[in-house]
């Protein structure tokens, strides 16, 4: 097979993959009796509508509220702050185990 023709064929196939409407071009109708006034259009994608009803049981509705303020962004987290936090968590866990 001629490498030049093979390269042209690969280029044409790549072009057709990018734009399938090119296959309906008048230039690609090889026999005069096949030429039409209006070439056929590419098929439209079918809608995926269905008569099935969706069961929304157990579906959590989206949160449409404004986001709440979280912490103070101006506070710098330092080692002492983290240590204090960990002590409070440890205390809370201890109280939970005792009074459970």
Protein backbone atom coordinates (compact mmCIF):
# COMPACT_ATOMS: atom_id res chain seq x y z
CA UNK A 1 0.00 0.00 0.00
CA UNK A 2 1.26 3.47 -0.86
CA UNK A 3 2.44 5.20 2.37
CA UNK A 4 1.26 8.60 1.09
CA UNK A 5 -2.26 7.28 0.39
CA UNK A 6 -2.32 5.54 3.78
CA UNK A 7 -1.35 8.79 5.49
CA UNK A 8 -4.11 10.67 3.62
CA UNK A 9 -6.62 7.99 4.62
CA UNK A 10 -5.62 8.30 8.29
CA UNK A 11 -6.00 12.08 8.10
CA UNK A 12 -9.44 11.70 6.50
CA UNK A 13 -10.60 9.21 9.15
CA UNK A 14 -9.38 11.54 11.91
CA UNK A 15 -11.27 14.44 10.29
CA UNK A 16 -14.45 12.32 10.07
CA UNK A 17 -14.18 11.42 13.77
CA UNK A 18 -13.97 15.11 14.66
CA UNK A 19 -16.88 16.14 12.40
CA UNK A 20 -19.14 13.33 11.14
CA UNK A 21 -21.20 15.81 9.08
CA UNK A 22 -18.36 15.81 6.56
CA UNK A 23 -19.54 12.37 5.41
CA UNK A 24 -22.71 13.98 4.01
CA UNK A 25 -20.80 16.42 1.81
CA UNK A 26 -21.75 16.62 -1.87
CA UNK A 27 -18.09 16.05 -2.74
CA UNK A 28 -18.26 12.55 -1.28
CA UNK A 29 -21.14 11.34 -3.47
CA UNK A 30 -19.35 9.34 -6.16
CA UNK A 31 -22.21 8.41 -8.48
CA UNK A 32 -24.36 11.05 -10.21
CA UNK A 33 -27.63 9.17 -9.53
CA UNK A 34 -26.93 9.34 -5.79
CA UNK A 35 -26.77 13.14 -5.71
CA UNK A 36 -29.77 14.63 -3.99
CA UNK A 37 -31.15 18.12 -3.69
CA UNK A 38 -30.72 18.08 0.08
CA UNK A 39 -28.15 15.64 1.45
CA UNK A 40 -29.35 13.71 4.50
CA UNK A 41 -28.54 15.32 7.81
CA UNK A 42 -26.72 13.44 10.55
CA UNK A 43 -29.10 11.81 13.03
CA UNK A 44 -30.07 13.85 16.08
CA UNK A 45 -29.17 12.34 19.43
CA UNK A 46 -32.21 10.73 21.01
CA UNK A 47 -33.47 12.12 24.29
CA UNK A 48 -33.17 9.81 27.23
CA UNK A 49 -36.59 10.57 28.68
CA UNK A 50 -38.34 7.72 30.40
CA UNK A 51 -41.74 6.91 31.82
CA UNK A 52 -40.10 5.51 34.95
CA UNK A 53 -40.76 7.31 38.19
CA UNK A 54 -37.77 7.97 40.41
CA UNK A 55 -38.08 6.83 44.01
CA UNK A 56 -36.68 9.65 46.16
CA UNK A 57 -37.16 7.80 49.44
CA UNK A 58 -34.09 8.31 51.61
CA UNK A 59 -32.69 11.03 49.35
CA UNK A 60 -31.34 13.98 51.30
CA UNK A 61 -32.45 17.34 49.93
CA UNK A 62 -29.68 19.84 49.15
CA UNK A 63 -28.79 22.48 51.71
CA UNK A 64 -29.93 25.81 50.25
CA UNK A 65 -29.10 27.92 53.29
CA UNK A 66 -26.32 30.48 53.40
CA UNK A 67 -23.02 29.08 54.71
CA UNK A 68 -22.51 29.64 58.42
CA UNK A 69 -19.51 31.46 59.82
CA UNK A 70 -16.76 29.06 60.80
CA UNK A 71 -14.10 30.15 63.26
CA UNK A 72 -12.04 33.30 63.26
CA UNK A 73 -9.72 33.56 60.25
CA UNK A 74 -7.62 36.22 61.96
CA UNK A 75 -6.51 33.80 64.71
CA UNK A 76 -3.15 32.17 64.07
CA UNK A 77 -3.00 28.51 65.08
CA UNK A 78 0.08 27.94 67.19
CA UNK A 79 1.39 24.96 69.12
CA UNK A 80 -0.17 26.19 72.39
CA UNK A 81 -3.58 26.50 70.74
CA UNK A 82 -3.37 22.96 69.39
CA UNK A 83 -2.24 21.64 72.77
CA UNK A 84 -5.17 23.34 74.51
CA UNK A 85 -7.56 21.90 71.97
CA UNK A 86 -6.19 18.38 72.41
CA UNK A 87 -6.51 18.67 76.20
CA UNK A 88 -10.15 19.72 75.83
CA UNK A 89 -10.84 16.81 73.48
CA UNK A 90 -9.19 14.40 75.92
CA UNK A 91 -11.28 15.81 78.78
CA UNK A 92 -14.47 15.52 76.74
CA UNK A 93 -13.70 11.90 75.83
CA UNK A 94 -12.99 11.07 79.46
CA UNK A 95 -16.28 12.63 80.59
CA UNK A 96 -18.11 10.76 77.84
CA UNK A 97 -16.65 7.44 79.02
CA UNK A 98 -17.48 8.17 82.66
CA UNK A 99 -20.99 9.56 82.24
CA UNK A 100 -21.61 8.00 78.83
